[in-house]
Protein backbone atom coordinates (compact mmCIF):
# COMPACT_ATOMS: atom_id res chain seq x y z
CA MET A 1 72.31 -115.32 53.61
CA LYS A 2 75.48 -114.83 55.87
CA GLN A 3 74.93 -111.13 56.04
CA ASN A 4 71.85 -111.58 57.48
CA VAL A 5 73.55 -113.95 60.10
CA SER A 6 76.14 -111.33 60.62
CA LEU A 7 73.62 -108.70 61.16
CA GLN A 8 71.63 -110.76 63.57
CA ILE A 9 74.77 -111.41 65.16
CA LEU A 10 75.53 -107.55 65.47
CA LEU A 11 71.78 -107.11 67.02
CA ASP A 12 71.95 -109.63 69.45
CA LEU A 13 75.23 -108.04 70.77
CA SER A 14 74.31 -104.62 70.81
CA ALA A 15 70.84 -105.83 72.46
CA LYS A 16 72.55 -107.49 74.80
CA ALA A 17 74.97 -104.84 75.66
CA SER A 18 71.99 -102.45 75.89
CA ASP A 19 70.18 -104.82 77.90
CA ASP A 20 73.36 -105.13 80.53
CA THR A 21 73.48 -101.31 80.54
CA TYR A 22 70.17 -100.00 80.81
CA GLY A 23 69.61 -103.20 83.58
CA ASP A 24 72.74 -101.89 85.56
CA GLU A 25 71.00 -98.40 85.79
CA LEU A 26 67.60 -99.77 86.50
CA GLN A 27 69.26 -101.57 89.77
CA ILE A 28 71.02 -98.53 90.58
CA HIS A 29 67.97 -96.62 90.67
CA THR A 30 65.93 -99.29 92.15
CA SER A 31 68.57 -99.65 94.91
CA GLN A 32 67.78 -95.50 95.50
CA GLY A 33 64.47 -95.48 95.39
CA LEU A 34 63.26 -95.27 91.65
CA ASN A 35 59.58 -93.92 91.93
CA ILE A 36 56.92 -94.83 89.57
CA LEU A 37 57.19 -91.87 87.01
CA HIS A 38 61.05 -92.89 86.18
CA TYR A 39 60.05 -96.22 85.90
CA HIS A 40 57.30 -95.33 83.76
CA ASN A 41 59.54 -93.50 81.48
CA TYR A 42 62.43 -95.69 81.65
CA GLN A 43 59.96 -98.38 80.06
CA ASN A 44 58.75 -96.00 77.56
CA PHE A 45 62.22 -95.64 76.83
CA LEU A 46 62.69 -99.28 76.44
CA ASN A 47 59.57 -99.79 74.77
CA ASN A 48 60.95 -97.13 72.26
CA LEU A 49 63.94 -98.99 71.49
CA ASP A 50 61.81 -102.05 70.65
CA LYS A 51 59.91 -100.20 68.12
CA ALA A 52 62.98 -98.69 66.63
CA ILE A 53 64.42 -102.05 66.49
CA HIS A 54 61.71 -103.91 64.83
CA GLN A 55 61.08 -100.82 62.19
CA GLN A 56 64.75 -100.87 61.67
CA LEU A 57 64.63 -104.97 60.90
CA GLN A 58 61.46 -104.26 58.50
CA ASN A 59 63.28 -101.71 56.48
CA ILE A 60 66.74 -104.10 56.27
CA ALA A 61 64.07 -106.74 55.49
CA GLY A 62 62.13 -104.64 52.83
CA LYS A 63 65.57 -103.36 51.30
CA LEU A 64 66.79 -107.30 51.23
CA LYS A 65 63.72 -107.86 48.65
CA LEU A 66 64.65 -104.94 46.84
CA VAL A 67 67.71 -106.14 46.48
CA GLU A 68 66.54 -109.41 45.27
CA PHE A 69 63.89 -108.05 42.97
CA ALA A 70 67.07 -106.09 41.24
CA ARG A 71 69.54 -109.08 41.48
CA LYS A 72 66.68 -111.24 39.45
CA ASP A 73 66.04 -108.59 37.14
CA TRP A 74 69.55 -108.17 36.54
CA GLN A 75 69.73 -112.04 36.01
CA VAL A 76 66.95 -111.70 33.20
CA CYS A 77 68.78 -108.66 31.53
CA GLU A 78 72.19 -110.59 31.77
CA GLN A 79 70.51 -113.58 30.20
CA LYS A 80 68.90 -111.83 27.20
CA ARG A 81 72.32 -109.79 26.89
CA LEU A 82 74.11 -113.07 26.60
CA SER A 83 71.61 -114.43 24.12
CA PHE A 84 71.94 -111.87 21.75
CA THR A 85 75.67 -112.17 22.00
CA LYS A 86 75.43 -115.71 21.18
CA LEU A 87 73.15 -114.92 17.89
CA ASP A 88 75.47 -112.19 16.96
CA GLU A 89 78.24 -114.78 17.21
CA ARG A 90 76.41 -117.02 15.35
CA GLN A 91 75.38 -114.45 12.49
CA ARG A 92 78.99 -113.79 11.98
CA LEU A 93 80.27 -117.39 12.07
CA ALA A 94 77.75 -117.89 8.98
CA PHE A 95 78.80 -114.79 7.13
CA LYS A 96 82.25 -115.80 7.42
CA ILE A 97 81.41 -119.25 6.16
CA ARG A 98 79.72 -117.26 3.11
CA ALA A 99 82.06 -114.93 2.90
CA ASP A 100 84.68 -118.03 2.57
CA LYS A 101 82.79 -120.08 0.01
CA ILE A 102 82.15 -117.38 -2.06
CA GLU A 103 86.38 -116.54 -1.98
CA GLN A 104 87.30 -120.39 -2.85
CA LYS A 105 84.72 -120.02 -5.53
CA LEU A 106 86.00 -117.66 -6.90
CA ASN A 107 89.96 -118.57 -6.04
CA ASP A 108 88.51 -122.07 -8.29
CA GLU A 109 87.09 -120.11 -11.34
CA PHE A 110 90.40 -118.20 -11.57
CA SER A 111 92.62 -121.33 -11.30
CA ASN A 112 90.34 -123.01 -14.09
CA ARG A 113 90.63 -119.92 -16.16
CA ALA A 114 94.23 -120.01 -15.52
CA GLN A 115 94.10 -123.54 -16.82
CA GLN A 116 92.74 -123.31 -19.73
CA VAL A 117 94.56 -120.10 -21.08
CA LYS A 118 97.66 -122.10 -20.62
CA LEU A 119 95.89 -124.66 -22.89
């Protein structure tokens, strides 16, 4: 969740910078006699910015959920792959053991026949 903390810090810093900028602008216009229409437009603009930020935060949260679902799906697939790999290794080992036993049996039979021929 470190990424979320970093993102939140960036959002906070950008919101502060925007608030300072627009706050300064509001003070300038207020000192010059901001009329009600400009003030209303200014408030609408800030509200729209807040809505856009909120929508982006929801979008990010949704994407993070998708990433988490994909990660869980990948983990399930990876676990299956590892299980199949382990099964394959066991099967190969069992086959090798059987082949080694057959080879040993043939060698023993060959040795026994060779000894019987010498006798």
